[in-house]
């Protein structure tokens, strides 16, 4: 594992929340009983939420660095 910065830790937290919401929406927590498409969707939810949260954080940092 790499040392994560604050933005990465926040993005992981956001991804975890989105993943939890998806699992709750299915109503089943036994991953062994999931269809392959449900598993693929969970992975997509996690990756997308992480990337989106990190992109927003990085954009906020970039906006703060503009000198004018």
N, C-alpha and C. Protein backbone atom coordinates (compact mmCIF):
# COMPACT_ATOMS: atom_id res chain seq x y z
N UNK A 1 0.83 -1.19 0.00
CA UNK A 1 0.00 0.00 0.00
C UNK A 1 0.87 1.25 0.00
N UNK A 2 0.38 2.25 -0.67
CA UNK A 2 1.09 3.52 -0.70
C UNK A 2 0.60 4.39 0.45
N UNK A 3 1.40 5.35 0.82
CA UNK A 3 0.97 6.33 1.81
C UNK A 3 -0.02 7.26 1.13
N UNK A 4 -1.23 7.31 1.69
CA UNK A 4 -2.28 8.12 1.09
C UNK A 4 -2.27 9.52 1.69
N UNK A 5 -2.59 10.51 0.85
CA UNK A 5 -2.75 11.86 1.37
C UNK A 5 -4.20 12.04 1.83
N UNK A 6 -4.49 13.21 2.37
CA UNK A 6 -5.83 13.46 2.91
C UNK A 6 -6.92 13.33 1.84
N UNK A 7 -6.64 13.80 0.64
CA UNK A 7 -7.64 13.72 -0.44
C UNK A 7 -7.91 12.27 -0.82
N UNK A 8 -6.88 11.46 -0.86
CA UNK A 8 -7.06 10.05 -1.20
C UNK A 8 -7.84 9.32 -0.11
N UNK A 9 -7.55 9.64 1.14
CA UNK A 9 -8.31 9.02 2.24
C UNK A 9 -9.78 9.43 2.18
N UNK A 10 -10.04 10.69 1.87
CA UNK A 10 -11.43 11.17 1.74
C UNK A 10 -12.12 10.48 0.56
N UNK A 11 -11.39 10.30 -0.55
CA UNK A 11 -11.96 9.63 -1.72
C UNK A 11 -12.28 8.18 -1.40
N UNK A 12 -11.43 7.52 -0.64
CA UNK A 12 -11.71 6.14 -0.23
C UNK A 12 -12.96 6.08 0.65
N UNK A 13 -13.10 7.05 1.54
CA UNK A 13 -14.28 7.11 2.40
C UNK A 13 -15.54 7.27 1.56
N UNK A 14 -15.49 8.16 0.59
CA UNK A 14 -16.63 8.38 -0.30
C UNK A 14 -16.95 7.12 -1.09
N UNK A 15 -15.93 6.46 -1.59
CA UNK A 15 -16.14 5.23 -2.36
C UNK A 15 -16.77 4.15 -1.48
N UNK A 16 -16.34 4.08 -0.24
CA UNK A 16 -16.92 3.11 0.68
C UNK A 16 -18.39 3.38 0.96
N UNK A 17 -18.73 4.65 1.09
CA UNK A 17 -20.13 5.01 1.32
C UNK A 17 -21.00 4.65 0.11
N UNK A 18 -20.47 4.93 -1.08
CA UNK A 18 -21.22 4.59 -2.30
C UNK A 18 -21.37 3.07 -2.44
N UNK A 19 -20.32 2.34 -2.11
CA UNK A 19 -20.39 0.88 -2.18
C UNK A 19 -21.43 0.35 -1.20
N UNK A 20 -21.44 0.90 0.00
CA UNK A 20 -22.42 0.48 0.99
C UNK A 20 -23.84 0.76 0.54
N UNK A 21 -24.05 1.90 -0.08
CA UNK A 21 -25.39 2.23 -0.59
C UNK A 21 -25.80 1.25 -1.68
N UNK A 22 -24.86 0.87 -2.53
CA UNK A 22 -25.18 -0.10 -3.59
C UNK A 22 -25.54 -1.45 -2.99
N UNK A 23 -24.76 -1.91 -2.03
CA UNK A 23 -25.04 -3.20 -1.40
C UNK A 23 -26.40 -3.17 -0.72
N UNK A 24 -26.70 -2.09 -0.03
CA UNK A 24 -28.01 -1.95 0.61
C UNK A 24 -29.13 -1.97 -0.41
N UNK A 25 -28.89 -1.38 -1.58
CA UNK A 25 -29.93 -1.34 -2.61
C UNK A 25 -30.27 -2.75 -3.13
N UNK A 26 -29.29 -3.64 -3.08
CA UNK A 26 -29.54 -5.02 -3.50
C UNK A 26 -30.31 -5.80 -2.45
N UNK A 27 -30.09 -5.45 -1.20
CA UNK A 27 -30.78 -6.14 -0.13
C UNK A 27 -30.15 -7.49 0.22
N UNK A 28 -28.99 -7.77 -0.33
CA UNK A 28 -28.29 -9.03 -0.05
C UNK A 28 -26.82 -8.73 0.20
N UNK A 29 -26.30 -9.23 1.32
CA UNK A 29 -24.90 -8.98 1.64
C UNK A 29 -24.00 -10.19 1.39
N UNK A 30 -24.57 -11.31 1.03
CA UNK A 30 -23.79 -12.51 0.75
C UNK A 30 -23.23 -12.41 -0.67
N UNK A 31 -21.97 -12.00 -0.77
CA UNK A 31 -21.36 -11.78 -2.09
C UNK A 31 -21.33 -13.05 -2.92
N UNK A 32 -21.28 -14.19 -2.29
CA UNK A 32 -21.25 -15.45 -3.03
C UNK A 32 -22.55 -15.68 -3.79
N UNK A 33 -23.62 -15.05 -3.36
CA UNK A 33 -24.92 -15.23 -4.00
C UNK A 33 -25.17 -14.18 -5.10
N UNK A 34 -24.25 -13.29 -5.29
CA UNK A 34 -24.42 -12.24 -6.28
C UNK A 34 -24.19 -12.76 -7.69
N UNK A 35 -24.90 -12.20 -8.63
CA UNK A 35 -24.65 -12.46 -10.04
C UNK A 35 -23.36 -11.74 -10.44
N UNK A 36 -22.74 -12.20 -11.49
CA UNK A 36 -21.48 -11.58 -11.92
C UNK A 36 -21.69 -10.11 -12.27
N UNK A 37 -22.84 -9.76 -12.81
CA UNK A 37 -23.12 -8.37 -13.14
C UNK A 37 -23.24 -7.51 -11.89
N UNK A 38 -23.78 -8.04 -10.82
CA UNK A 38 -23.87 -7.28 -9.57
C UNK A 38 -22.48 -7.00 -9.02
N UNK A 39 -21.61 -8.00 -9.08
CA UNK A 39 -20.23 -7.82 -8.63
C UNK A 39 -19.53 -6.77 -9.49
N UNK A 40 -19.69 -6.85 -10.79
CA UNK A 40 -19.07 -5.89 -11.70
C UNK A 40 -19.57 -4.48 -11.42
N UNK A 41 -20.85 -4.36 -11.12
CA UNK A 41 -21.41 -3.04 -10.82
C UNK A 41 -20.84 -2.49 -9.52
N UNK A 42 -20.65 -3.34 -8.52
CA UNK A 42 -20.05 -2.89 -7.26
C UNK A 42 -18.65 -2.34 -7.52
N UNK A 43 -17.86 -3.06 -8.30
CA UNK A 43 -16.51 -2.59 -8.62
C UNK A 43 -16.57 -1.25 -9.33
N UNK A 44 -17.48 -1.13 -10.29
CA UNK A 44 -17.63 0.13 -11.03
C UNK A 44 -18.04 1.27 -10.10
N UNK A 45 -18.96 1.00 -9.18
CA UNK A 45 -19.39 2.02 -8.22
C UNK A 45 -18.21 2.50 -7.39
N UNK A 46 -17.41 1.58 -6.91
CA UNK A 46 -16.26 1.94 -6.07
C UNK A 46 -15.24 2.76 -6.85
N UNK A 47 -14.86 2.27 -8.02
CA UNK A 47 -13.83 2.95 -8.81
C UNK A 47 -14.31 4.33 -9.25
N UNK A 48 -15.54 4.41 -9.71
CA UNK A 48 -16.08 5.69 -10.17
C UNK A 48 -16.17 6.70 -9.03
N UNK A 49 -16.68 6.27 -7.89
CA UNK A 49 -16.81 7.18 -6.75
C UNK A 49 -15.44 7.67 -6.29
N UNK A 50 -14.45 6.78 -6.26
CA UNK A 50 -13.10 7.17 -5.86
C UNK A 50 -12.52 8.19 -6.84
N UNK A 51 -12.61 7.89 -8.11
CA UNK A 51 -12.05 8.79 -9.13
C UNK A 51 -12.75 10.14 -9.11
N UNK A 52 -14.07 10.14 -9.00
CA UNK A 52 -14.82 11.40 -8.98
C UNK A 52 -14.45 12.25 -7.77
N UNK A 53 -14.39 11.62 -6.60
CA UNK A 53 -14.07 12.36 -5.38
C UNK A 53 -12.65 12.91 -5.45
N UNK A 54 -11.72 12.12 -5.95
CA UNK A 54 -10.34 12.58 -6.04
C UNK A 54 -10.20 13.69 -7.08
N UNK A 55 -10.90 13.58 -8.19
CA UNK A 55 -10.86 14.63 -9.22
C UNK A 55 -11.40 15.94 -8.67
N UNK A 56 -12.48 15.88 -7.91
CA UNK A 56 -13.04 17.10 -7.31
C UNK A 56 -12.05 17.74 -6.34
N UNK A 57 -11.40 16.91 -5.54
CA UNK A 57 -10.42 17.43 -4.59
C UNK A 57 -9.24 18.05 -5.31
N UNK A 58 -8.76 17.40 -6.35
CA UNK A 58 -7.62 17.93 -7.11
C UNK A 58 -8.01 19.22 -7.83
N UNK A 59 -9.22 19.31 -8.34
CA UNK A 59 -9.67 20.53 -9.01
C UNK A 59 -9.77 21.67 -8.01
N UNK A 60 -10.23 21.37 -6.80
CA UNK A 60 -10.32 22.38 -5.75
C UNK A 60 -8.93 22.92 -5.41
N UNK A 61 -7.96 22.02 -5.34
CA UNK A 61 -6.59 22.44 -5.06
C UNK A 61 -6.07 23.31 -6.20
N UNK A 62 -6.32 22.90 -7.42
CA UNK A 62 -5.86 23.68 -8.58
C UNK A 62 -6.49 25.07 -8.58
N UNK A 63 -7.78 25.14 -8.25
CA UNK A 63 -8.45 26.46 -8.19
C UNK A 63 -7.83 27.34 -7.12
N UNK A 64 -7.42 26.75 -6.01
CA UNK A 64 -6.80 27.52 -4.92
C UNK A 64 -5.43 28.05 -5.32
N UNK A 65 -4.79 27.40 -6.28
CA UNK A 65 -3.44 27.80 -6.70
C UNK A 65 -3.43 28.90 -7.75
N UNK A 66 -4.56 29.25 -8.31
CA UNK A 66 -4.61 30.29 -9.33
C UNK A 66 -4.29 31.63 -8.68
N UNK A 67 -3.27 32.33 -9.18
CA UNK A 67 -2.82 33.55 -8.51
C UNK A 67 -3.61 34.81 -8.83
N UNK A 68 -4.67 34.70 -9.59
CA UNK A 68 -5.43 35.91 -9.93
C UNK A 68 -6.88 35.75 -9.61
